[in-house]
Amino acid sequence: MSRFSPANLELGRSIIARYPRSRSALIPLLHVAQEQDGWVSPEAMEHIAELLDLTPAEVLGTCSFYGMFKRHPVGRYVVGVCTNISCLLLGGEELLEHCEATLGIKAGATTADGMFTLEDVECIAACTDAPCLQVNYRYFLNLTHDQADALFDDLRAGRRSEEVPAHGTLTRVRQRIDPDRWWGHGAEGLPIPPGQAR
């Protein structure tokens, strides 16, 4: 699938309606596309551009800037092993090499079964708990090689699905917005509290 499904199109339009300028919904819509397909396809970027009255190049510019958005298919679980300075000093490189050996792939590749994509990543802001990694942006800290192996076994067996959803799932609970919460905007672009003349 590449364009938004009917349900995600409705969700996308509700997200756009939250912003005084539609282009402000760009990053949330990229998340919707990635949650739908596990990555952001060129067709999804074109659809987002249509919805926001932007060019596909503007959408690509934002999508390609952020490492969290994947522009190619990835595994169900994206494993990012930190090799920045704190993790490096405490075994991050060795943990990455162990993950490569365990999964049978090099960093940047996806396992043949489509289960895991392995990445060598920069600091993930868990320096006090090195070495560490993320799986679909969920943290696993102070990892030994045996703990990493157990984690991969659990993920393969579906034992961590409550803790680690499929890649692209940003949150398990969709934000609910009370329509009365949002104020209109006056000619100067300043908020107008509810109950005041517009």
C-alpha atoms as a PDB file:
ATOM      1  CA  MET A   1       0.000   0.000   0.000  1.00  0.00           C
ATOM      2  CA  SER A   2       1.308   3.472  -0.717  1.00  0.00           C
ATOM      3  CA  ARG A   3      -1.408   6.093  -0.395  1.00  0.00           C
ATOM      4  CA  PHE A   4      -3.302   6.457   2.868  1.00  0.00           C
ATOM      5  CA  SER A   5      -6.002   3.891   3.553  1.00  0.00           C
ATOM      6  CA  PRO A   6      -9.520   5.361   3.991  1.00  0.00           C
ATOM      7  CA  ALA A   7      -9.156   5.219   7.806  1.00  0.00           C
ATOM      8  CA  ASN A   8      -5.741   6.899   7.709  1.00  0.00           C
ATOM      9  CA  LEU A   9      -6.996   9.497   5.238  1.00  0.00           C
ATOM     10  CA  GLU A  10      -9.725  10.409   7.730  1.00  0.00           C
ATOM     11  CA  LEU A  11      -7.129  10.476  10.524  1.00  0.00           C
ATOM     12  CA  GLY A  12      -4.834  12.623   8.379  1.00  0.00           C
ATOM     13  CA  ARG A  13      -7.569  15.149   7.702  1.00  0.00           C
ATOM     14  CA  SER A  14      -8.362  15.356  11.421  1.00  0.00           C
ATOM     15  CA  ILE A  15      -4.666  15.985  12.132  1.00  0.00           C
ATOM     16  CA  ILE A  16      -4.468  18.706   9.482  1.00  0.00           C
ATOM     17  CA  ALA A  17      -7.511  20.426  11.015  1.00  0.00           C
ATOM     18  CA  ARG A  18      -5.599  20.904  14.283  1.00  0.00           C
ATOM     19  CA  TYR A  19      -3.170  23.381  12.743  1.00  0.00           C
ATOM     20  CA  PRO A  20      -3.707  26.958  11.582  1.00  0.00           C
ATOM     21  CA  ARG A  21      -1.295  26.223   8.695  1.00  0.00           C
ATOM     22  CA  SER A  22      -1.712  22.835   7.043  1.00  0.00           C
ATOM     23  CA  ARG A  23       2.028  22.375   6.412  1.00  0.00           C
ATOM     24  CA  SER A  24       2.474  22.092  10.194  1.00  0.00           C
ATOM     25  CA  ALA A  25       0.900  18.623   9.932  1.00  0.00           C
ATOM     26  CA  LEU A  26       3.759  17.325   7.766  1.00  0.00           C
ATOM     27  CA  ILE A  27       5.669  15.399  10.430  1.00  0.00           C
ATOM     28  CA  PRO A  28       2.516  13.875  11.995  1.00  0.00           C
ATOM     29  CA  LEU A  29       1.381  12.729   8.528  1.00  0.00           C
ATOM     30  CA  LEU A  30       4.786  11.163   7.855  1.00  0.00           C
ATOM     31  CA  HIS A  31       4.293   9.194  11.071  1.00  0.00           C
ATOM     32  CA  VAL A  32       0.851   8.061   9.859  1.00  0.00           C
ATOM     33  CA  ALA A  33       2.370   6.860   6.571  1.00  0.00           C
ATOM     34  CA  GLN A  34       5.142   4.995   8.352  1.00  0.00           C
ATOM     35  CA  GLU A  35       2.712   3.421  10.805  1.00  0.00           C
ATOM     36  CA  GLN A  36       0.568   2.236   7.899  1.00  0.00           C
ATOM     37  CA  ASP A  37       3.315   0.637   5.809  1.00  0.00           C
ATOM     38  CA  GLY A  38       6.378   0.431   8.078  1.00  0.00           C
ATOM     39  CA  TRP A  39       8.186   2.955   5.868  1.00  0.00           C
ATOM     40  CA  VAL A  40       7.421   6.138   3.897  1.00  0.00           C
ATOM     41  CA  SER A  41       7.129   5.337   0.203  1.00  0.00           C
ATOM     42  CA  PRO A  42       7.463   7.896  -2.618  1.00  0.00           C
ATOM     43  CA  GLU A  43       3.730   7.445  -3.288  1.00  0.00           C
ATOM     44  CA  ALA A  44       2.931   8.214   0.357  1.00  0.00           C
ATOM     45  CA  MET A  45       5.048  11.378   0.140  1.00  0.00           C
ATOM     46  CA  GLU A  46       3.147  12.418  -2.999  1.00  0.00           C
ATOM     47  CA  HIS A  47      -0.171  11.832  -1.225  1.00  0.00           C
ATOM     48  CA  ILE A  48       0.966  13.877   1.780  1.00  0.00           C
ATOM     49  CA  ALA A  49       2.058  16.656  -0.592  1.00  0.00           C
ATOM     50  CA  GLU A  50      -1.423  16.694  -2.152  1.00  0.00           C
ATOM     51  CA  LEU A  51      -3.106  16.833   1.255  1.00  0.00           C
ATOM     52  CA  LEU A  52      -0.917  19.704   2.466  1.00  0.00           C
ATOM     53  CA  ASP A  53      -0.641  21.631  -0.826  1.00  0.00           C
ATOM     54  CA  LEU A  54       3.122  21.120  -0.870  1.00  0.00           C
ATOM     55  CA  THR A  55       5.451  19.751  -3.513  1.00  0.00           C
ATOM     56  CA  PRO A  56       6.683  16.170  -3.203  1.00  0.00           C
ATOM     57  CA  ALA A  57      10.204  17.639  -2.928  1.00  0.00           C
ATOM     58  CA  GLU A  58       9.197  19.592   0.199  1.00  0.00           C
ATOM     59  CA  VAL A  59       7.848  16.410   1.780  1.00  0.00           C
ATOM     60  CA  LEU A  60      10.973  14.473   0.795  1.00  0.00           C
ATOM     61  CA  GLY A  61      13.153  17.237   2.243  1.00  0.00           C
ATOM     62  CA  THR A  62      11.554  16.810   5.654  1.00  0.00           C
ATOM     63  CA  CYS A  63      11.304  13.016   5.472  1.00  0.00           C
ATOM     64  CA  SER A  64      14.959  12.614   4.487  1.00  0.00           C
ATOM     65  CA  PHE A  65      16.152  14.981   7.230  1.00  0.00           C
ATOM     66  CA  TYR A  66      14.923  12.817  10.107  1.00  0.00           C
ATOM     67  CA  GLY A  67      16.520   9.405  10.685  1.00  0.00           C
ATOM     68  CA  MET A  68      13.338   8.085  12.298  1.00  0.00           C
ATOM     69  CA  PHE A  69      11.598   8.030   8.908  1.00  0.00           C
ATOM     70  CA  LYS A  70      12.595   5.099   6.732  1.00  0.00           C
ATOM     71  CA  ARG A  71      12.426   5.619   2.962  1.00  0.00           C
ATOM     72  CA  HIS A  72      12.850   1.952   2.106  1.00  0.00           C
ATOM     73  CA  PRO A  73      11.205  -1.200   3.457  1.00  0.00           C
ATOM     74  CA  VAL A  74      12.613  -2.343   6.793  1.00  0.00           C
ATOM     75  CA  GLY A  75      12.095  -5.324   9.050  1.00  0.00           C
ATOM     76  CA  ARG A  76       9.298  -5.689  11.554  1.00  0.00           C
ATOM     77  CA  TYR A  77      11.883  -4.767  14.203  1.00  0.00           C
ATOM     78  CA  VAL A  78      14.473  -2.052  13.570  1.00  0.00           C
ATOM     79  CA  VAL A  79      17.373  -2.642  15.951  1.00  0.00           C
ATOM     80  CA  GLY A  80      19.584   0.394  16.505  1.00  0.00           C
ATOM     81  CA  VAL A  81      22.812  -0.365  18.384  1.00  0.00           C
ATOM     82  CA  CYS A  82      24.488   2.718  19.809  1.00  0.00           C
ATOM     83  CA  THR A  83      28.208   2.999  19.116  1.00  0.00           C
ATOM     84  CA  ASN A  84      28.715   6.589  20.250  1.00  0.00           C
ATOM     85  CA  ILE A  85      31.329   7.430  22.863  1.00  0.00           C
ATOM     86  CA  SER A  86      29.759   6.155  26.125  1.00  0.00           C
ATOM     87  CA  CYS A  87      28.496   2.971  24.525  1.00  0.00           C
ATOM     88  CA  LEU A  88      31.739   2.601  22.556  1.00  0.00           C
ATOM     89  CA  LEU A  89      33.793   2.718  25.756  1.00  0.00           C
ATOM     90  CA  LEU A  90      31.518   0.193  27.464  1.00  0.00           C
ATOM     91  CA  GLY A  91      31.210  -2.362  24.666  1.00  0.00           C
ATOM     92  CA  GLY A  92      28.903  -0.856  22.035  1.00  0.00           C
ATOM     93  CA  GLU A  93      31.089  -1.926  19.093  1.00  0.00           C
ATOM     94  CA  GLU A  94      31.331  -5.446  20.490  1.00  0.00           C
ATOM     95  CA  LEU A  95      27.549  -5.509  21.026  1.00  0.00           C
ATOM     96  CA  LEU A  96      27.007  -4.452  17.402  1.00  0.00           C
ATOM     97  CA  GLU A  97      29.389  -7.158  16.159  1.00  0.00           C
ATOM     98  CA  HIS A  98      27.586  -9.714  18.331  1.00  0.00           C
ATOM     99  CA  CYS A  99      24.192  -8.620  16.941  1.00  0.00           C
ATOM    100  CA  GLU A 100      25.567  -8.917  13.403  1.00  0.00           C
ATOM    101  CA  ALA A 101      26.744 -12.460  14.130  1.00  0.00           C
ATOM    102  CA  THR A 102      23.511 -13.455  15.896  1.00  0.00           C
ATOM    103  CA  LEU A 103      21.227 -12.052  13.191  1.00  0.00           C
ATOM    104  CA  GLY A 104      23.501 -13.088  10.317  1.00  0.00           C
ATOM    105  CA  ILE A 105      23.539  -9.623   8.735  1.00  0.00           C
ATOM    106  CA  LYS A 106      25.712  -6.521   8.731  1.00  0.00           C
ATOM    107  CA  ALA A 107      24.511  -3.135  10.001  1.00  0.00           C
ATOM    108  CA  GLY A 108      22.300  -1.562   7.348  1.00  0.00           C
ATOM    109  CA  ALA A 109      20.757  -4.868   6.240  1.00  0.00           C
ATOM    110  CA  THR A 110      17.536  -6.763   6.896  1.00  0.00           C
ATOM    111  CA  THR A 111      17.264 -10.471   7.691  1.00  0.00           C
ATOM    112  CA  ALA A 112      15.947 -12.680   4.881  1.00  0.00           C
ATOM    113  CA  ASP A 113      12.734 -13.356   6.822  1.00  0.00           C
ATOM    114  CA  GLY A 114      12.022  -9.610   7.097  1.00  0.00           C
ATOM    115  CA  MET A 115      12.029  -9.778  10.886  1.00  0.00           C
ATOM    116  CA  PHE A 116      15.032  -7.566  11.774  1.00  0.00           C
ATOM    117  CA  THR A 117      16.800  -4.564  10.302  1.00  0.00           C
ATOM    118  CA  LEU A 118      20.084  -3.784  12.062  1.00  0.00           C
ATOM    119  CA  GLU A 119      21.492  -0.253  12.296  1.00  0.00           C
ATOM    120  CA  ASP A 120      24.656   1.256  13.752  1.00  0.00           C
ATOM    121  CA  VAL A 121      23.331   4.465  15.328  1.00  0.00           C
ATOM    122  CA  GLU A 122      24.659   7.576  16.959  1.00  0.00           C
ATOM    123  CA  CYS A 123      23.849   8.528  20.549  1.00  0.00           C
ATOM    124  CA  ILE A 124      20.361   7.480  21.680  1.00  0.00           C
ATOM    125  CA  ALA A 125      20.597   9.525  24.903  1.00  0.00           C
ATOM    126  CA  ALA A 126      21.018   6.650  27.340  1.00  0.00           C
ATOM    127  CA  CYS A 127      24.707   7.198  28.075  1.00  0.00           C
ATOM    128  CA  THR A 128      24.456   6.312  31.762  1.00  0.00           C
ATOM    129  CA  ASP A 129      23.109   2.869  30.836  1.00  0.00           C
ATOM    130  CA  ALA A 130      25.596   1.841  28.143  1.00  0.00           C
ATOM    131  CA  PRO A 131      25.849  -0.317  26.187  1.00  0.00           C
ATOM    132  CA  CYS A 132      22.335  -0.073  24.861  1.00  0.00           C
ATOM    133  CA  LEU A 133      20.149  -0.454  21.845  1.00  0.00           C
ATOM    134  CA  GLN A 134      16.663   0.409  20.698  1.00  0.00           C
ATOM    135  CA  VAL A 135      14.130  -1.834  19.027  1.00  0.00           C
ATOM    136  CA  ASN A 136      11.527   0.270  17.225  1.00  0.00           C
ATOM    137  CA  TYR A 137      12.651   3.153  19.459  1.00  0.00           C
ATOM    138  CA  ARG A 138      12.018   1.216  22.682  1.00  0.00           C
ATOM    139  CA  TYR A 139      15.084   1.180  24.930  1.00  0.00           C
ATOM    140  CA  PHE A 140      17.042  -1.859  26.159  1.00  0.00           C
ATOM    141  CA  LEU A 141      19.817  -0.803  28.510  1.00  0.00           C
ATOM    142  CA  ASN A 142      22.993  -2.225  30.066  1.00  0.00           C
ATOM    143  CA  LEU A 143      22.831  -5.156  27.670  1.00  0.00           C
ATOM    144  CA  THR A 144      25.057  -8.179  27.766  1.00  0.00           C
ATOM    145  CA  HIS A 145      25.403 -10.343  24.671  1.00  0.00           C
ATOM    146  CA  ASP A 146      23.264 -13.046  26.307  1.00  0.00           C
ATOM    147  CA  GLN A 147      20.527 -10.487  27.066  1.00  0.00           C
ATOM    148  CA  ALA A 148      20.573  -9.324  23.439  1.00  0.00           C
ATOM    149  CA  ASP A 149      20.215 -12.938  22.264  1.00  0.00           C
ATOM    150  CA  ALA A 150      17.291 -13.481  24.660  1.00  0.00           C
ATOM    151  CA  LEU A 151      15.661 -10.278  23.385  1.00  0.00           C
ATOM    152  CA  PHE A 152      15.902 -11.439  19.760  1.00  0.00           C
ATOM    153  CA  ASP A 153      14.530 -14.869  20.694  1.00  0.00           C
ATOM    154  CA  ASP A 154      11.608 -13.231  22.503  1.00  0.00           C
ATOM    155  CA  LEU A 155      10.853 -10.946  19.567  1.00  0.00           C
ATOM    156  CA  ARG A 156      10.934 -13.857  17.111  1.00  0.00           C
ATOM    157  CA  ALA A 157       8.525 -15.795  19.334  1.00  0.00           C
ATOM    158  CA  GLY A 158       6.167 -12.824  19.781  1.00  0.00           C
ATOM    159  CA  ARG A 159       6.753 -12.671  23.534  1.00  0.00           C
ATOM    160  CA  ARG A 160       7.479  -8.932  23.549  1.00  0.00           C
ATOM    161  CA  SER A 161       4.656  -7.703  21.291  1.00  0.00           C
ATOM    162  CA  GLU A 162       3.073  -5.656  24.096  1.00  0.00           C
ATOM    163  CA  GLU A 163       6.386  -3.980  24.819  1.00  0.00           C
ATOM    164  CA  VAL A 164       7.660  -3.625  21.249  1.00  0.00           C
ATOM    165  CA  PRO A 165       5.031  -3.121  18.525  1.00  0.00           C
ATOM    166  CA  ALA A 166       5.818  -3.454  14.819  1.00  0.00           C
ATOM    167  CA  HIS A 167       8.031  -0.759  13.322  1.00  0.00           C
ATOM    168  CA  GLY A 168       6.171   2.427  12.521  1.00  0.00           C
ATOM    169  CA  THR A 169       3.813   2.229  15.490  1.00  0.00           C
ATOM    170  CA  LEU A 170       4.402   5.506  17.241  1.00  0.00           C
ATOM    171  CA  THR A 171       1.919   4.975  20.051  1.00  0.00           C
ATOM    172  CA  ARG A 172      -0.652   2.428  21.093  1.00  0.00           C
ATOM    173  CA  VAL A 173      -3.249   5.023  22.132  1.00  0.00           C
ATOM    174  CA  ARG A 174      -4.379   7.607  19.597  1.00  0.00           C
ATOM    175  CA  GLN A 175      -4.634  11.139  20.963  1.00  0.00           C
ATOM    176  CA  ARG A 176      -8.227  12.299  21.432  1.00  0.00           C
ATOM    177  CA  ILE A 177      -8.859  15.990  20.937  1.00  0.00           C
ATOM    178  CA  ASP A 178     -11.837  17.796  22.430  1.00  0.00           C
ATOM    179  CA  PRO A 179     -13.108  20.083  19.613  1.00  0.00           C
ATOM    180  CA  ASP A 180     -13.788  22.851  22.159  1.00  0.00           C
ATOM    181  CA  ARG A 181     -10.123  22.801  23.125  1.00  0.00           C
ATOM    182  CA  TRP A 182      -8.990  24.446  19.916  1.00  0.00           C
ATOM    183  CA  TRP A 183      -9.386  28.146  19.545  1.00  0.00           C
ATOM    184  CA  GLY A 184     -10.024  29.991  16.331  1.00  0.00           C
ATOM    185  CA  HIS A 185      -7.533  32.507  15.036  1.00  0.00           C
ATOM    186  CA  GLY A 186      -8.142  36.166  14.331  1.00  0.00           C
ATOM    187  CA  ALA A 187      -6.936  38.215  11.395  1.00  0.00           C
ATOM    188  CA  GLU A 188      -3.559  38.737  13.069  1.00  0.00           C
ATOM    189  CA  GLY A 189      -3.140  34.996  13.574  1.00  0.00           C
ATOM    190  CA  LEU A 190      -3.556  35.330  17.355  1.00  0.00           C
ATOM    191  CA  PRO A 191      -5.713  32.830  19.240  1.00  0.00           C
ATOM    192  CA  ILE A 192      -9.264  33.803  20.111  1.00  0.00           C
ATOM    193  CA  PRO A 193     -10.494  32.127  23.317  1.00  0.00           C
ATOM    194  CA  PRO A 194     -13.850  30.323  23.121  1.00  0.00           C
ATOM    195  CA  GLY A 195     -16.855  32.599  23.711  1.00  0.00           C
ATOM    196  CA  GLN A 196     -15.278  35.757  22.258  1.00  0.00           C
ATOM    197  CA  ALA A 197     -16.428  37.287  19.007  1.00  0.00           C
ATOM    198  CA  ARG A 198     -14.537  36.276  15.914  1.00  0.00           C
END
